[in-house]
N, C-alpha and C. Protein backbone atom coordinates (compact mmCIF):
# COMPACT_ATOMS: atom_id res chain seq x y z
N UNK A 1 -19.45 14.39 29.47
CA UNK A 1 -19.14 12.90 28.82
C UNK A 1 -18.32 12.10 29.08
N UNK A 2 -19.05 11.18 29.17
CA UNK A 2 -18.72 9.62 29.81
C UNK A 2 -18.97 8.41 29.13
N UNK A 3 -18.32 7.86 29.41
CA UNK A 3 -17.91 6.47 28.30
C UNK A 3 -17.18 4.57 29.22
N UNK A 4 -17.69 3.97 28.89
CA UNK A 4 -17.59 3.05 29.80
C UNK A 4 -16.93 2.39 28.82
N UNK A 5 -15.56 1.83 29.46
CA UNK A 5 -14.57 1.74 28.67
C UNK A 5 -14.61 0.23 29.20
N UNK A 6 -15.21 -0.27 29.57
CA UNK A 6 -15.03 -1.76 29.43
C UNK A 6 -15.83 -2.42 28.45
N UNK A 7 -16.32 -1.22 27.54
CA UNK A 7 -16.91 -1.51 26.26
C UNK A 7 -15.50 -1.60 25.09
N UNK A 8 -15.08 -1.14 24.91
CA UNK A 8 -13.60 -1.01 23.91
C UNK A 8 -12.87 -2.43 23.76
N UNK A 9 -12.85 -2.46 23.16
CA UNK A 9 -12.57 -3.38 23.11
C UNK A 9 -10.62 -3.22 22.33
N UNK A 10 -9.86 -4.32 23.20
CA UNK A 10 -8.21 -3.89 23.41
C UNK A 10 -8.27 -5.14 21.89
N UNK A 11 -7.15 -3.95 21.10
CA UNK A 11 -6.86 -4.29 19.60
C UNK A 11 -5.34 -4.61 19.32
N UNK A 12 -4.93 -4.98 18.70
CA UNK A 12 -3.29 -4.90 18.25
C UNK A 12 -3.28 -3.38 17.36
N UNK A 13 -2.48 -2.57 17.46
CA UNK A 13 -2.04 -1.84 17.14
C UNK A 13 -1.17 -2.07 15.75
N UNK A 14 -1.03 -3.44 15.42
CA UNK A 14 -0.70 -3.22 13.82
C UNK A 14 -1.55 -4.77 13.27
N UNK A 15 -3.27 -4.48 13.06
CA UNK A 15 -3.28 -5.26 12.88
C UNK A 15 -4.76 -5.04 12.71
N UNK A 16 -4.66 -5.10 11.18
CA UNK A 16 -6.67 -4.31 10.68
C UNK A 16 -7.30 -4.65 10.26
N UNK A 17 -8.42 -5.51 9.92
CA UNK A 17 -8.67 -6.22 8.26
C UNK A 17 -9.28 -5.71 7.68
N UNK A 18 -10.39 -6.25 6.36
CA UNK A 18 -10.99 -5.90 5.78
C UNK A 18 -12.54 -6.11 5.82
N UNK A 19 -12.83 -4.82 5.16
CA UNK A 19 -14.64 -4.41 5.10
C UNK A 19 -15.05 -6.44 5.07
N UNK A 20 -16.21 -6.45 5.92
CA UNK A 20 -17.15 -7.73 6.01
C UNK A 20 -17.52 -8.00 4.46
N UNK A 21 -17.68 -8.74 4.28
CA UNK A 21 -17.01 -9.96 2.82
C UNK A 21 -19.45 -9.31 2.27
N UNK A 22 -20.50 -8.71 2.96
CA UNK A 22 -21.22 -7.95 3.22
C UNK A 22 -20.84 -6.27 1.73
N UNK A 23 -19.44 -6.14 2.44
CA UNK A 23 -19.63 -4.55 2.22
C UNK A 23 -18.42 -5.04 0.89
N UNK A 24 -18.53 -5.81 0.05
CA UNK A 24 -17.28 -5.87 -1.11
C UNK A 24 -17.71 -6.38 -2.13
N UNK A 25 -16.83 -6.03 -3.23
CA UNK A 25 -17.49 -6.57 -4.61
C UNK A 25 -18.48 -7.90 -4.56
N UNK A 26 -19.01 -8.13 -5.26
CA UNK A 26 -19.92 -9.45 -5.36
C UNK A 26 -19.27 -10.70 -6.65
N UNK A 27 -18.38 -10.77 -6.64
CA UNK A 27 -17.91 -11.58 -8.10
C UNK A 27 -18.75 -12.49 -8.75
N UNK A 28 -18.35 -11.93 -10.25
CA UNK A 28 -18.98 -12.89 -11.10
C UNK A 28 -19.03 -13.93 -11.77
N UNK A 29 -20.39 -14.49 -11.07
CA UNK A 29 -19.67 -16.11 -12.23
C UNK A 29 -19.03 -16.24 -13.30
N UNK A 30 -18.04 -15.28 -14.14
CA UNK A 30 -17.93 -15.99 -14.99
C UNK A 30 -16.52 -15.39 -14.36
N UNK A 31 -15.77 -14.48 -13.77
CA UNK A 31 -14.69 -14.42 -13.54
C UNK A 31 -14.06 -15.23 -12.29
N UNK A 32 -12.97 -15.61 -13.18
CA UNK A 32 -12.37 -17.26 -12.48
C UNK A 32 -10.96 -17.38 -11.98
N UNK A 33 -10.13 -18.09 -11.74
CA UNK A 33 -8.55 -18.75 -11.44
C UNK A 33 -7.93 -16.99 -13.28
N UNK A 34 -8.44 -18.21 -14.19
CA UNK A 34 -7.98 -18.03 -15.00
C UNK A 34 -8.55 -17.24 -15.93
N UNK A 35 -9.25 -16.62 -15.54
CA UNK A 35 -9.84 -15.11 -15.41
C UNK A 35 -10.78 -13.75 -14.86
N UNK A 36 -9.30 -13.73 -13.91
CA UNK A 36 -9.84 -12.93 -12.99
C UNK A 36 -10.82 -11.32 -13.16
N UNK A 37 -11.76 -11.06 -12.78
CA UNK A 37 -12.23 -10.04 -12.64
C UNK A 37 -11.60 -8.56 -13.25
N UNK A 38 -11.35 -7.43 -13.55
CA UNK A 38 -10.78 -6.27 -14.03
C UNK A 38 -10.15 -5.30 -12.95
N UNK A 39 -11.18 -5.40 -12.30
CA UNK A 39 -11.43 -4.59 -11.07
C UNK A 39 -10.96 -5.24 -9.82
N UNK A 40 -10.42 -5.89 -9.59
CA UNK A 40 -9.21 -6.67 -8.13
C UNK A 40 -10.99 -8.15 -7.86
N UNK A 41 -10.12 -9.19 -7.59
CA UNK A 41 -11.38 -10.56 -7.30
C UNK A 41 -10.81 -9.49 -5.55
N UNK A 42 -11.62 -9.16 -5.02
CA UNK A 42 -11.55 -8.66 -3.89
C UNK A 42 -11.59 -9.97 -2.77
N UNK A 43 -11.65 -11.12 -2.84
CA UNK A 43 -11.61 -11.91 -1.71
C UNK A 43 -10.45 -12.49 -1.86
N UNK A 44 -10.21 -12.48 -2.76
CA UNK A 44 -8.11 -12.84 -3.34
C UNK A 44 -7.47 -11.90 -2.95
N UNK A 45 -8.53 -10.14 -2.73
CA UNK A 45 -7.56 -9.47 -2.29
C UNK A 45 -7.35 -9.32 -0.25
N UNK A 46 -7.88 -10.04 0.04
CA UNK A 46 -7.69 -10.28 1.95
C UNK A 46 -6.54 -10.84 2.43
N UNK A 47 -6.29 -11.61 1.32
CA UNK A 47 -4.51 -12.60 1.28
C UNK A 47 -3.81 -11.52 1.41
N UNK A 48 -3.97 -10.40 0.98
CA UNK A 48 -2.88 -9.35 0.79
C UNK A 48 -3.07 -8.06 1.85
N UNK A 49 -1.43 -7.47 1.89
CA UNK A 49 -1.35 -6.67 3.68
C UNK A 49 -0.49 -5.68 2.90
N UNK A 50 -0.65 -4.49 2.58
CA UNK A 50 -0.44 -3.76 2.58
C UNK A 50 0.32 -2.17 3.93
N UNK A 51 1.51 -2.30 3.47
CA UNK A 51 1.79 -0.95 4.62
C UNK A 51 1.43 0.62 3.95
N UNK A 52 0.16 1.47 4.47
CA UNK A 52 0.59 2.94 3.94
C UNK A 52 1.00 4.26 5.13
N UNK A 53 2.11 4.28 4.28
CA UNK A 53 3.03 4.83 4.90
C UNK A 53 2.91 6.89 4.95
N UNK A 54 2.48 7.33 6.25
CA UNK A 54 2.93 8.95 5.52
C UNK A 54 2.23 9.70 6.51
N UNK A 55 2.91 10.69 6.52
CA UNK A 55 2.74 11.30 8.28
C UNK A 55 1.36 12.15 8.16
N UNK A 56 1.03 12.74 6.99
CA UNK A 56 -0.53 13.40 7.65
C UNK A 56 -1.56 12.14 7.65
N UNK A 57 -2.12 11.86 8.82
CA UNK A 57 -3.28 11.03 8.86
C UNK A 57 -4.29 11.27 8.23
N UNK A 58 -5.05 12.71 7.59
CA UNK A 58 -5.55 12.73 6.41
C UNK A 58 -5.64 11.93 5.29
N UNK A 59 -3.84 11.40 4.99
CA UNK A 59 -3.54 11.09 3.93
C UNK A 59 -3.95 9.41 4.03
N UNK A 60 -3.08 8.93 5.44
CA UNK A 60 -3.65 8.40 6.34
C UNK A 60 -4.72 7.28 5.80
N UNK A 61 -5.42 8.48 7.09
CA UNK A 61 -7.33 7.52 6.44
C UNK A 61 -8.07 7.43 5.75
N UNK A 62 -7.33 8.45 4.71
CA UNK A 62 -8.07 8.14 3.74
C UNK A 62 -7.58 6.39 2.36
N UNK A 63 -6.17 7.23 2.43
CA UNK A 63 -6.06 5.59 1.84
C UNK A 63 -6.32 3.85 1.91
N UNK A 64 -6.45 4.07 3.78
CA UNK A 64 -6.41 2.58 4.47
C UNK A 64 -7.81 2.10 4.41
N UNK A 65 -8.95 3.92 4.63
CA UNK A 65 -10.15 3.21 4.18
C UNK A 65 -10.74 2.76 2.62
N UNK A 66 -10.26 3.37 1.60
CA UNK A 66 -9.51 3.00 0.18
C UNK A 66 -9.04 1.22 0.33
N UNK A 67 -8.46 1.15 0.56
CA UNK A 67 -7.47 0.28 0.45
C UNK A 67 -8.94 -1.34 0.76
N UNK A 68 -9.24 -1.05 2.58
CA UNK A 68 -10.33 -1.98 2.79
C UNK A 68 -11.01 -2.11 2.57
N UNK A 69 -11.70 -0.85 2.12
CA UNK A 69 -13.16 -0.97 1.11
C UNK A 69 -12.43 -1.70 -0.42
N UNK A 70 -11.38 -2.48 -0.70
CA UNK A 70 -11.17 -2.87 -2.35
C UNK A 70 -10.57 -4.52 -1.12
N UNK A 71 -11.12 -4.06 -0.05
CA UNK A 71 -10.94 -6.49 0.27
C UNK A 71 -9.82 -6.33 1.25
N UNK A 72 -8.27 -5.03 1.29
CA UNK A 72 -6.85 -5.31 1.11
C UNK A 72 -7.04 -5.39 2.64
N UNK A 73 -6.32 -5.61 3.71
CA UNK A 73 -5.85 -5.54 4.96
C UNK A 73 -4.80 -4.75 4.78
N UNK A 74 -5.04 -3.59 5.88
CA UNK A 74 -4.22 -2.23 5.97
C UNK A 74 -2.87 -2.19 7.45
N UNK A 75 -2.06 -1.47 7.26
CA UNK A 75 -1.10 -1.26 8.55
C UNK A 75 -0.47 -0.24 8.08
N UNK A 76 -0.51 0.74 9.20
CA UNK A 76 0.37 1.71 8.66
C UNK A 76 1.84 2.33 9.92
N UNK A 77 1.96 3.34 9.05
CA UNK A 77 3.66 4.17 9.42
C UNK A 77 3.16 5.93 9.17
N UNK A 78 3.79 6.10 9.75
CA UNK A 78 3.64 7.18 9.91
C UNK A 78 4.78 8.50 9.44
N UNK A 79 6.53 7.74 9.02
CA UNK A 79 7.26 8.47 9.28
C UNK A 79 7.88 6.93 8.67
N UNK A 80 9.42 7.53 8.06
CA UNK A 80 10.14 6.03 7.45
C UNK A 80 11.20 4.76 8.46
N UNK A 81 11.26 5.65 9.66
CA UNK A 81 11.62 4.85 10.47
C UNK A 81 10.62 4.07 11.02
N UNK A 82 9.67 4.58 11.32
CA UNK A 82 8.71 3.65 11.72
C UNK A 82 7.90 2.55 10.55
N UNK A 83 8.48 2.86 9.07
CA UNK A 83 7.88 2.14 7.84
C UNK A 83 8.58 1.26 8.15
N UNK A 84 9.82 1.48 8.21
CA UNK A 84 11.40 0.25 8.32
C UNK A 84 11.14 -0.84 9.51
N UNK A 85 10.30 -0.04 10.57
CA UNK A 85 9.94 -1.66 11.42
C UNK A 85 8.93 -1.88 11.94
N UNK A 86 8.08 -1.18 11.20
CA UNK A 86 6.59 -1.67 11.30
C UNK A 86 6.25 -3.11 9.74
N UNK A 87 7.50 -2.92 8.56
CA UNK A 87 7.55 -3.58 7.49
C UNK A 87 8.43 -4.83 8.22
N UNK A 88 10.10 -4.53 8.60
CA UNK A 88 10.04 -5.82 9.14
C UNK A 88 9.44 -6.57 10.27
N UNK A 89 8.38 -6.08 11.23
CA UNK A 89 7.87 -7.00 12.00
C UNK A 89 7.06 -7.49 11.51
N UNK A 90 5.94 -6.96 10.26
CA UNK A 90 4.79 -7.86 9.52
C UNK A 90 5.21 -8.18 7.89
N UNK A 91 6.18 -7.98 7.82
CA UNK A 91 6.66 -8.59 5.66
C UNK A 91 5.02 -8.16 4.81
N UNK A 92 4.66 -6.19 4.78
CA UNK A 92 3.62 -6.05 3.92
C UNK A 92 4.06 -7.08 2.60
N UNK A 93 2.57 -7.40 1.98
CA UNK A 93 3.07 -7.49 0.53
C UNK A 93 3.40 -6.91 -0.32
N UNK A 94 2.53 -5.29 0.35
CA UNK A 94 3.00 -4.17 -0.82
C UNK A 94 3.30 -3.13 0.21
N UNK A 95 4.23 -1.80 -0.28
CA UNK A 95 3.97 -0.51 0.88
C UNK A 95 3.51 0.62 0.10
N UNK A 96 2.90 0.99 0.01
CA UNK A 96 2.25 2.89 -0.01
C UNK A 96 3.34 3.49 0.62
N UNK A 97 4.71 4.34 0.17
CA UNK A 97 5.22 5.48 0.75
C UNK A 97 4.92 6.72 -0.10
N UNK A 98 4.76 7.75 0.71
CA UNK A 98 4.73 9.18 0.56
C UNK A 98 6.43 9.36 1.13
N UNK A 99 6.52 9.98 0.40
CA UNK A 99 7.82 10.48 -0.49
C UNK A 99 9.04 11.54 1.00
N UNK A 100 7.40 12.58 0.97
CA UNK A 100 8.25 14.11 1.59
C UNK A 100 7.27 13.71 3.17
N UNK A 101 8.36 13.66 4.10
CA UNK A 101 8.28 12.97 5.99
C UNK A 101 9.34 13.59 6.47
N UNK A 102 8.95 13.83 7.84
CA UNK A 102 10.15 14.54 8.33
C UNK A 102 10.96 13.20 8.99
N UNK A 103 12.11 13.55 9.62
CA UNK A 103 12.54 12.34 10.14
C UNK A 103 13.18 11.61 9.03
N UNK A 104 12.30 10.23 8.67
CA UNK A 104 13.35 9.94 7.16
C UNK A 104 12.13 9.78 6.54
N UNK A 105 13.21 10.46 5.29
CA UNK A 105 11.63 10.44 3.82
C UNK A 105 11.49 9.45 3.42
N UNK A 106 10.58 9.05 2.20
CA UNK A 106 10.33 7.98 1.52
C UNK A 106 11.48 7.25 0.96
N UNK A 107 12.29 8.59 0.65
CA UNK A 107 13.34 7.26 -0.85
C UNK A 107 14.90 6.87 0.50
N UNK A 108 14.60 7.78 1.59
CA UNK A 108 15.50 7.37 2.34
C UNK A 108 15.46 5.49 3.22
N UNK A 109 13.58 5.76 3.61
CA UNK A 109 12.90 4.27 3.94
C UNK A 109 13.16 3.29 3.02
N UNK A 110 12.75 3.61 1.87
CA UNK A 110 12.79 2.62 1.04
C UNK A 110 14.09 2.25 0.23
N UNK A 111 15.30 3.28 0.07
CA UNK A 111 16.74 2.33 0.17
C UNK A 111 16.94 1.34 1.18
N UNK A 112 16.61 1.97 2.32
CA UNK A 112 16.78 0.87 3.68
C UNK A 112 16.51 -0.19 3.85
N UNK A 113 14.74 -0.60 3.16
CA UNK A 113 13.59 -1.56 2.93
C UNK A 113 14.67 -2.53 2.60
N UNK A 114 14.74 -2.00 0.96
CA UNK A 114 16.06 -2.97 -0.01
C UNK A 114 16.70 -3.47 0.10
N UNK A 115 18.00 -3.38 1.65
CA UNK A 115 18.46 -4.58 2.38
C UNK A 115 18.09 -4.76 3.12
N UNK A 116 17.25 -4.92 3.71
CA UNK A 116 16.70 -5.76 4.08
C UNK A 116 16.36 -7.27 3.34
N UNK A 117 17.06 -8.49 3.90
CA UNK A 117 16.53 -9.35 2.74
C UNK A 117 15.02 -10.19 3.02
N UNK A 118 13.98 -9.97 3.46
CA UNK A 118 12.88 -10.71 3.82
C UNK A 118 12.28 -9.59 3.19
N UNK A 119 12.49 -8.04 2.68
CA UNK A 119 11.75 -7.37 2.35
C UNK A 119 11.97 -6.90 1.33
N UNK A 120 13.11 -6.60 0.90
CA UNK A 120 13.86 -7.06 -0.95
C UNK A 120 13.06 -6.30 -2.31
N UNK A 121 12.01 -7.25 -1.90
CA UNK A 121 11.46 -7.81 -3.67
C UNK A 121 9.49 -7.94 -3.16
N UNK A 122 9.81 -6.91 -2.00
CA UNK A 122 8.49 -6.05 -1.31
C UNK A 122 7.75 -4.88 -2.45
N UNK A 123 6.64 -4.66 -3.28
CA UNK A 123 6.74 -3.44 -4.36
C UNK A 123 6.69 -2.44 -3.55
N UNK A 124 6.98 -1.05 -3.51
CA UNK A 124 7.22 0.08 -3.02
C UNK A 124 6.53 0.53 -3.99
N UNK A 125 5.03 1.48 -3.85
CA UNK A 125 4.98 2.49 -4.70
C UNK A 125 5.26 4.07 -3.53
N UNK A 126 5.62 4.68 -4.87
CA UNK A 126 5.94 5.99 -4.23
C UNK A 126 5.35 7.08 -4.51
N UNK A 127 4.42 7.50 -3.90
CA UNK A 127 3.22 8.61 -3.23
C UNK A 127 3.68 9.56 -3.47
N UNK A 128 3.66 10.70 -4.02
CA UNK A 128 4.41 12.25 -4.19
C UNK A 128 3.51 13.05 -5.20
N UNK A 129 3.61 14.89 -4.21
CA UNK A 129 3.37 15.59 -5.00
C UNK A 129 4.52 16.20 -5.60
N UNK A 130 5.58 15.54 -6.34
CA UNK A 130 6.11 16.22 -7.13
C UNK A 130 6.34 14.63 -8.06
N UNK A 131 6.18 15.05 -9.46
CA UNK A 131 6.44 15.11 -10.36
C UNK A 131 7.24 15.08 -11.39
N UNK A 132 7.76 15.97 -10.40
CA UNK A 132 8.93 16.01 -11.93
C UNK A 132 9.88 14.33 -13.03
N UNK A 133 10.69 15.21 -13.82
CA UNK A 133 11.13 13.54 -14.19
C UNK A 133 12.45 13.13 -13.47
N UNK A 134 13.20 14.35 -12.87
CA UNK A 134 14.16 14.08 -12.33
C UNK A 134 14.03 13.14 -10.60
N UNK A 135 13.14 13.76 -10.64
CA UNK A 135 12.30 13.24 -8.73
C UNK A 135 11.89 12.07 -9.04
N UNK A 136 11.09 11.28 -10.60
CA UNK A 136 10.56 10.10 -10.38
C UNK A 136 12.41 8.99 -10.72
N UNK A 137 13.33 9.89 -11.54
CA UNK A 137 14.51 8.58 -11.83
C UNK A 137 15.36 8.11 -10.32
N UNK A 138 15.06 9.63 -9.63
CA UNK A 138 15.87 9.68 -7.92
C UNK A 138 14.82 8.12 -7.72
N UNK A 139 13.40 8.71 -6.82
CA UNK A 139 12.77 7.05 -6.62
C UNK A 139 13.31 5.68 -7.41
N UNK A 140 13.15 5.48 -8.52
CA UNK A 140 13.16 4.21 -9.45
C UNK A 140 14.81 4.11 -8.57
N UNK A 141 15.10 5.08 -8.89
CA UNK A 141 17.30 4.62 -8.17
C UNK A 141 17.22 4.07 -7.21
N UNK A 142 16.80 4.59 -5.74
CA UNK A 142 16.70 3.74 -4.94
C UNK A 142 15.59 2.99 -4.67
N UNK A 143 14.62 2.10 -6.15
CA UNK A 143 13.98 0.69 -5.90
C UNK A 143 12.98 0.77 -5.79
N UNK A 144 12.44 2.02 -5.76
CA UNK A 144 10.56 1.56 -6.28
C UNK A 144 10.14 1.23 -7.28
N UNK A 145 8.65 0.92 -7.67
CA UNK A 145 8.40 0.14 -8.04
C UNK A 145 6.92 0.37 -8.79
N UNK A 146 7.31 1.38 -8.15
CA UNK A 146 5.65 2.29 -9.33
C UNK A 146 5.61 3.31 -8.72
N UNK A 147 5.38 4.36 -9.68
CA UNK A 147 4.84 5.54 -8.59
C UNK A 147 3.55 6.65 -8.91
N UNK A 148 3.32 7.24 -8.37
CA UNK A 148 1.74 7.75 -8.36
C UNK A 148 1.64 9.25 -7.57
N UNK A 149 1.62 10.25 -8.56
CA UNK A 149 1.42 11.89 -7.83
C UNK A 149 0.17 12.23 -7.50
N UNK A 150 0.54 13.13 -6.13
CA UNK A 150 -0.66 13.47 -5.91
C UNK A 150 -1.25 14.03 -6.62
N UNK A 151 -2.88 14.71 -6.32
CA UNK A 151 -3.65 13.91 -5.96
C UNK A 151 -3.86 12.61 -7.03
N UNK A 152 -4.05 11.95 -5.93
CA UNK A 152 -4.64 10.52 -6.22
C UNK A 152 -5.34 10.26 -7.15
N UNK A 153 -5.29 9.24 -8.18
CA UNK A 153 -6.23 8.82 -9.17
C UNK A 153 -6.28 8.04 -8.49
N UNK A 154 -7.95 7.13 -7.42
CA UNK A 154 -7.05 6.30 -6.73
C UNK A 154 -7.46 4.94 -8.24
N UNK A 155 -8.61 4.86 -9.77
CA UNK A 155 -8.87 3.75 -10.10
C UNK A 155 -7.09 3.48 -10.37
N UNK A 156 -6.31 4.47 -11.38
CA UNK A 156 -5.04 4.18 -11.59
C UNK A 156 -3.67 3.47 -10.28
N UNK A 157 -4.49 4.00 -9.15
CA UNK A 157 -3.56 3.23 -7.99
C UNK A 157 -3.80 1.93 -7.73
N UNK A 158 -5.73 1.43 -7.35
CA UNK A 158 -6.19 0.29 -7.28
C UNK A 158 -5.69 -0.61 -9.10
N UNK A 159 -4.87 -0.36 -9.90
CA UNK A 159 -4.81 -0.82 -11.41
C UNK A 159 -3.36 -0.95 -11.17
N UNK A 160 -2.51 -0.25 -10.20
CA UNK A 160 -1.52 0.06 -10.30
C UNK A 160 -0.48 -1.38 -9.32
N UNK A 161 -1.65 -1.07 -8.30
CA UNK A 161 -1.64 -2.82 -6.96
C UNK A 161 -1.76 -4.00 -7.29
N UNK A 162 -2.81 -3.81 -8.04
CA UNK A 162 -3.16 -5.17 -8.55
C UNK A 162 -2.12 -5.82 -9.44
N UNK A 163 -1.37 -5.02 -10.20
CA UNK A 163 -0.50 -5.04 -11.07
C UNK A 163 0.59 -6.18 -10.59
N UNK A 164 1.11 -5.28 -9.36
CA UNK A 164 2.30 -5.42 -8.19
C UNK A 164 2.04 -6.90 -7.69
N UNK A 165 0.85 -6.85 -7.41
CA UNK A 165 0.42 -8.12 -6.46
C UNK A 165 0.18 -9.48 -7.13
N UNK A 166 0.23 -9.76 -8.34
CA UNK A 166 -0.33 -10.15 -9.60
C UNK A 166 0.63 -11.84 -9.29
N UNK A 167 0.33 -12.20 -9.21
CA UNK A 167 1.52 -13.60 -8.61
C UNK A 167 2.08 -13.89 -9.85
N UNK A 168 2.51 -13.32 -11.16
CA UNK A 168 3.25 -13.32 -12.24
C UNK A 168 3.54 -12.81 -12.60
N UNK A 169 3.95 -12.25 -11.87
CA UNK A 169 4.32 -10.79 -11.50
C UNK A 169 5.79 -10.56 -10.91
N UNK A 170 6.85 -9.90 -11.45
CA UNK A 170 7.97 -9.51 -10.47
C UNK A 170 8.26 -8.93 -9.19
N UNK A 171 6.99 -8.08 -9.43
CA UNK A 171 6.70 -6.82 -8.08
C UNK A 171 7.92 -5.96 -9.07
N UNK A 172 8.14 -5.80 -9.75
CA UNK A 172 8.84 -4.88 -10.73
C UNK A 172 8.29 -4.88 -11.43
N UNK A 173 7.76 -3.01 -11.74
CA UNK A 173 7.40 -2.11 -12.80
C UNK A 173 9.01 -1.20 -13.59
N UNK A 174 9.27 -1.26 -12.95
CA UNK A 174 10.29 -0.70 -14.20
C UNK A 174 10.38 -0.18 -15.00
N UNK A 175 10.38 1.25 -15.75
CA UNK A 175 10.12 2.18 -16.49
C UNK A 175 8.16 1.82 -17.36
N UNK A 176 7.46 0.89 -15.89
CA UNK A 176 5.81 1.35 -17.02
C UNK A 176 5.32 1.82 -15.65
N UNK A 177 6.44 3.09 -15.14
CA UNK A 177 4.82 3.44 -13.90
C UNK A 177 4.06 3.79 -14.53
N UNK A 178 2.83 4.28 -13.29
CA UNK A 178 1.87 4.84 -13.61
C UNK A 178 1.87 6.45 -12.67
N UNK A 179 1.71 7.54 -13.52
CA UNK A 179 1.23 8.40 -12.80
C UNK A 179 -0.37 9.27 -13.12
N UNK A 180 -0.66 9.85 -11.54
CA UNK A 180 -1.93 10.58 -12.18
C UNK A 180 -1.61 12.29 -12.91
């Protein structure tokens, strides 16, 4: 099997884009800035950059494709150390952080992200299979803004992301976490 290397496009590995406009939800004429659609104004979503952090390639692909389908731009990292490095370089609007990862777990990475001035107010959503009350408390203690359990309920995830990215919201939903 052969392929033509000249046809391959050189891309910045940190750069991704949303799906083309024809693939996204058409905005209803009744939708306005004062009355945004309930399911996300997807043309506005393209201004948001989300960092997806997970050590499982399948999870990264699933989350990235779903978020891009929603109109968000997506960048990925596969462990906590990489998450800190990528987040510092790109300054995402929101981070979806898997908690159980090798090298540096999501709690440790979130704690360190909160120590970086340019990232301390970026909403971080913990994504984990561990849904115990003690685990939630530990996640909120390090500074997560929201908490989702696996398997993910994508509707809940979309609602939480929309609330955290709402310009009128401080990015903090402590005490108002959403679980699936």
